[in-house]
């Protein structure tokens, strides 16, 4: 197995094994406060009644840890369905 391929498998395994837990906040975090890919839920009434705003941290200022193409993405905003508690 080549070194690059081994690094890629390790990066994928770590990414898949890490649970993604979103925090619920009352207001959106300041710019660059979220890590690359970190997700938070923001309850600021910008989405319809049965949805909540999901903010994903920007990956523009990060360098890939594996030798592969990575599409740079800025902060992302999505209205998602609320989980029934």
N, C-alpha and C. Protein backbone atom coordinates (compact mmCIF):
# COMPACT_ATOMS: atom_id res chain seq x y z
N UNK A 1 0.85 -1.17 0.00
CA UNK A 1 0.00 0.00 0.00
C UNK A 1 0.90 1.23 0.00
N UNK A 2 0.58 2.21 -0.84
CA UNK A 2 1.39 3.42 -0.90
C UNK A 2 1.12 4.28 0.32
N UNK A 3 2.06 5.16 0.57
CA UNK A 3 1.94 6.04 1.73
C UNK A 3 0.73 6.98 1.61
N UNK A 4 0.51 7.52 0.41
CA UNK A 4 -0.62 8.43 0.20
C UNK A 4 -1.95 7.72 0.41
N UNK A 5 -2.05 6.50 -0.09
CA UNK A 5 -3.28 5.73 0.05
C UNK A 5 -3.53 5.38 1.52
N UNK A 6 -2.48 5.03 2.24
CA UNK A 6 -2.60 4.71 3.66
C UNK A 6 -3.07 5.91 4.47
N UNK A 7 -2.51 7.09 4.15
CA UNK A 7 -2.94 8.31 4.84
C UNK A 7 -4.40 8.61 4.57
N UNK A 8 -4.83 8.38 3.32
CA UNK A 8 -6.22 8.65 2.96
C UNK A 8 -7.16 7.73 3.73
N UNK A 9 -6.81 6.44 3.84
CA UNK A 9 -7.64 5.50 4.59
C UNK A 9 -7.74 5.89 6.06
N UNK A 10 -6.65 6.35 6.63
CA UNK A 10 -6.66 6.77 8.03
C UNK A 10 -7.55 8.00 8.20
N UNK A 11 -7.44 8.97 7.29
CA UNK A 11 -8.26 10.18 7.38
C UNK A 11 -9.74 9.85 7.26
N UNK A 12 -10.09 8.94 6.36
CA UNK A 12 -11.49 8.55 6.19
C UNK A 12 -11.99 7.81 7.42
N UNK A 13 -11.18 6.93 7.98
CA UNK A 13 -11.59 6.17 9.17
C UNK A 13 -11.82 7.10 10.35
N UNK A 14 -10.94 8.07 10.55
CA UNK A 14 -11.09 9.01 11.66
C UNK A 14 -12.33 9.87 11.45
N UNK A 15 -12.55 10.32 10.22
CA UNK A 15 -13.71 11.16 9.93
C UNK A 15 -15.00 10.39 10.16
N UNK A 16 -15.06 9.14 9.73
CA UNK A 16 -16.27 8.35 9.88
C UNK A 16 -16.51 7.92 11.32
N UNK A 17 -15.45 7.76 12.10
CA UNK A 17 -15.59 7.30 13.47
C UNK A 17 -15.95 8.42 14.44
N UNK A 18 -15.72 9.67 14.03
CA UNK A 18 -15.99 10.80 14.90
C UNK A 18 -17.47 11.16 14.84
N UNK A 19 -18.18 11.08 15.97
CA UNK A 19 -19.61 11.43 15.94
C UNK A 19 -19.80 12.93 15.74
N UNK A 20 -20.79 13.28 14.97
CA UNK A 20 -21.08 14.69 14.73
C UNK A 20 -22.24 15.07 15.64
N UNK A 21 -21.95 15.94 16.58
CA UNK A 21 -22.95 16.40 17.53
C UNK A 21 -23.11 17.90 17.33
N UNK A 22 -24.31 18.34 17.06
CA UNK A 22 -24.55 19.75 16.83
C UNK A 22 -25.08 20.40 18.10
N UNK A 23 -24.49 21.55 18.46
CA UNK A 23 -24.96 22.32 19.61
C UNK A 23 -26.10 23.22 19.15
N UNK A 24 -27.01 23.56 20.06
CA UNK A 24 -28.07 24.51 19.75
C UNK A 24 -27.74 25.84 20.42
N UNK A 25 -27.66 26.89 19.61
CA UNK A 25 -27.33 28.22 20.09
C UNK A 25 -28.48 29.18 19.81
N UNK A 26 -28.51 30.31 20.53
CA UNK A 26 -29.54 31.33 20.31
C UNK A 26 -29.13 32.30 19.20
N UNK A 27 -27.83 32.49 18.98
CA UNK A 27 -27.38 33.37 17.91
C UNK A 27 -26.19 32.73 17.20
N UNK A 28 -25.99 33.14 15.96
CA UNK A 28 -24.93 32.57 15.13
C UNK A 28 -23.55 32.95 15.68
N UNK A 29 -22.60 31.99 15.70
CA UNK A 29 -21.25 32.30 16.17
C UNK A 29 -20.57 33.34 15.27
N UNK A 30 -19.59 34.04 15.81
CA UNK A 30 -18.84 35.03 15.05
C UNK A 30 -18.05 34.34 13.93
N UNK A 31 -17.64 35.13 12.94
CA UNK A 31 -16.89 34.59 11.81
C UNK A 31 -15.61 33.90 12.29
N UNK A 32 -15.29 32.79 11.72
CA UNK A 32 -14.10 31.97 12.03
C UNK A 32 -14.10 31.39 13.44
N UNK A 33 -15.23 31.40 14.12
CA UNK A 33 -15.29 30.80 15.45
C UNK A 33 -15.49 29.29 15.37
N UNK A 34 -16.14 28.81 14.29
CA UNK A 34 -16.36 27.38 14.11
C UNK A 34 -15.17 26.76 13.39
N UNK A 35 -14.82 25.53 13.78
CA UNK A 35 -13.77 24.78 13.09
C UNK A 35 -14.29 24.31 11.74
N UNK A 36 -13.41 23.90 10.87
CA UNK A 36 -13.77 23.38 9.56
C UNK A 36 -14.70 22.18 9.72
N UNK A 37 -15.91 22.27 9.17
CA UNK A 37 -16.87 21.18 9.22
C UNK A 37 -17.69 21.08 10.49
N UNK A 38 -17.37 21.87 11.51
CA UNK A 38 -18.14 21.83 12.75
C UNK A 38 -19.55 22.37 12.49
N UNK A 39 -20.54 21.69 13.05
CA UNK A 39 -21.94 22.08 12.84
C UNK A 39 -22.57 22.52 14.14
N UNK A 40 -23.35 23.60 14.06
CA UNK A 40 -24.13 24.06 15.20
C UNK A 40 -25.54 24.36 14.70
N UNK A 41 -26.49 24.23 15.60
CA UNK A 41 -27.88 24.58 15.30
C UNK A 41 -28.14 25.95 15.93
N UNK A 42 -28.75 26.85 15.14
CA UNK A 42 -29.00 28.21 15.62
C UNK A 42 -30.50 28.45 15.60
N UNK A 43 -31.04 28.76 16.77
CA UNK A 43 -32.47 29.01 16.89
C UNK A 43 -32.70 30.52 16.90
N UNK A 44 -32.72 31.10 15.67
CA UNK A 44 -32.87 32.55 15.55
C UNK A 44 -34.08 32.94 14.71
N UNK A 45 -35.01 32.03 14.52
CA UNK A 45 -36.28 32.27 13.81
C UNK A 45 -36.12 32.71 12.36
N UNK A 46 -35.05 32.27 11.68
CA UNK A 46 -34.88 32.57 10.26
C UNK A 46 -35.48 31.46 9.38
N UNK A 47 -35.75 30.31 9.96
CA UNK A 47 -36.31 29.17 9.23
C UNK A 47 -37.79 29.01 9.56
N UNK A 48 -38.54 28.26 8.76
CA UNK A 48 -39.95 27.98 9.05
C UNK A 48 -40.12 27.33 10.43
N UNK A 49 -41.34 27.29 10.92
CA UNK A 49 -41.65 26.86 12.29
C UNK A 49 -41.12 25.47 12.65
N UNK A 50 -41.19 24.51 11.74
CA UNK A 50 -40.78 23.15 12.07
C UNK A 50 -39.32 22.87 11.70
N UNK A 51 -38.54 23.94 11.42
CA UNK A 51 -37.14 23.77 11.03
C UNK A 51 -36.23 24.64 11.88
N UNK A 52 -34.93 24.31 11.85
CA UNK A 52 -33.92 25.06 12.59
C UNK A 52 -32.72 25.28 11.67
N UNK A 53 -32.00 26.38 11.86
CA UNK A 53 -30.87 26.72 11.02
C UNK A 53 -29.64 25.91 11.44
N UNK A 54 -29.03 25.23 10.47
CA UNK A 54 -27.79 24.48 10.72
C UNK A 54 -26.66 25.25 10.04
N UNK A 55 -25.63 25.63 10.82
CA UNK A 55 -24.49 26.37 10.30
C UNK A 55 -23.27 25.44 10.35
N UNK A 56 -22.58 25.32 9.21
CA UNK A 56 -21.39 24.48 9.11
C UNK A 56 -20.18 25.39 8.94
N UNK A 57 -19.14 25.17 9.76
CA UNK A 57 -17.93 26.00 9.73
C UNK A 57 -17.20 25.96 8.40
N UNK A 58 -16.56 27.06 8.06
CA UNK A 58 -15.83 27.22 6.81
C UNK A 58 -14.55 26.40 6.79
N UNK A 59 -14.21 25.90 5.61
CA UNK A 59 -12.96 25.15 5.41
C UNK A 59 -12.01 25.91 4.49
N UNK A 60 -12.24 27.20 4.30
CA UNK A 60 -11.44 27.97 3.37
C UNK A 60 -10.01 28.20 3.85
N UNK A 61 -9.80 28.33 5.14
CA UNK A 61 -8.47 28.63 5.67
C UNK A 61 -7.71 27.40 6.15
N UNK A 62 -8.17 26.21 5.79
CA UNK A 62 -7.50 25.00 6.24
C UNK A 62 -6.71 24.38 5.09
N UNK A 63 -5.63 23.70 5.43
CA UNK A 63 -4.88 22.97 4.43
C UNK A 63 -5.18 21.49 4.62
N UNK A 64 -5.36 20.76 3.53
CA UNK A 64 -5.66 19.34 3.66
C UNK A 64 -4.52 18.59 4.34
N UNK A 65 -4.84 17.63 5.19
CA UNK A 65 -3.82 16.83 5.86
C UNK A 65 -3.39 15.65 5.01
N UNK A 66 -4.12 15.40 3.94
CA UNK A 66 -3.81 14.29 3.04
C UNK A 66 -3.54 14.89 1.66
N UNK A 67 -2.64 14.29 0.90
CA UNK A 67 -2.32 14.79 -0.43
C UNK A 67 -3.44 14.46 -1.41
N UNK A 68 -4.50 15.26 -1.40
CA UNK A 68 -5.62 15.05 -2.31
C UNK A 68 -6.33 16.38 -2.55
N UNK A 69 -7.09 16.44 -3.63
CA UNK A 69 -7.85 17.65 -3.94
C UNK A 69 -8.96 17.82 -2.92
N UNK A 70 -9.12 19.02 -2.41
CA UNK A 70 -10.20 19.32 -1.48
C UNK A 70 -10.90 20.57 -1.98
N UNK A 71 -12.20 20.47 -2.18
CA UNK A 71 -12.96 21.62 -2.64
C UNK A 71 -13.15 22.58 -1.48
N UNK A 72 -12.63 23.80 -1.59
CA UNK A 72 -12.80 24.76 -0.50
C UNK A 72 -14.26 25.18 -0.39
N UNK A 73 -14.75 25.23 0.84
CA UNK A 73 -16.14 25.63 1.07
C UNK A 73 -16.17 26.65 2.19
N UNK A 74 -16.97 27.67 1.99
CA UNK A 74 -17.17 28.68 3.02
C UNK A 74 -18.23 28.20 4.01
N UNK A 75 -18.60 29.08 4.91
CA UNK A 75 -19.64 28.76 5.88
C UNK A 75 -20.93 28.44 5.14
N UNK A 76 -21.59 27.36 5.56
CA UNK A 76 -22.81 26.92 4.91
C UNK A 76 -24.00 27.06 5.86
N UNK A 77 -25.15 27.44 5.29
CA UNK A 77 -26.37 27.63 6.06
C UNK A 77 -27.48 26.79 5.44
N UNK A 78 -28.16 25.98 6.27
CA UNK A 78 -29.26 25.14 5.79
C UNK A 78 -30.35 25.11 6.85
N UNK A 79 -31.59 25.19 6.41
CA UNK A 79 -32.72 24.95 7.31
C UNK A 79 -32.99 23.46 7.29
N UNK A 80 -32.97 22.83 8.46
CA UNK A 80 -33.21 21.39 8.54
C UNK A 80 -34.40 21.14 9.45
N UNK A 81 -35.00 19.98 9.30
CA UNK A 81 -36.16 19.60 10.10
C UNK A 81 -35.72 19.39 11.56
N UNK A 82 -36.51 19.90 12.47
CA UNK A 82 -36.22 19.71 13.90
C UNK A 82 -36.44 18.26 14.28
N UNK A 83 -35.61 17.76 15.19
CA UNK A 83 -35.82 16.41 15.72
C UNK A 83 -36.90 16.48 16.78
N UNK A 84 -37.81 15.52 16.75
CA UNK A 84 -38.87 15.46 17.74
C UNK A 84 -38.30 14.92 19.04
N UNK A 85 -38.47 15.65 20.12
CA UNK A 85 -37.94 15.21 21.42
C UNK A 85 -39.02 14.72 22.32
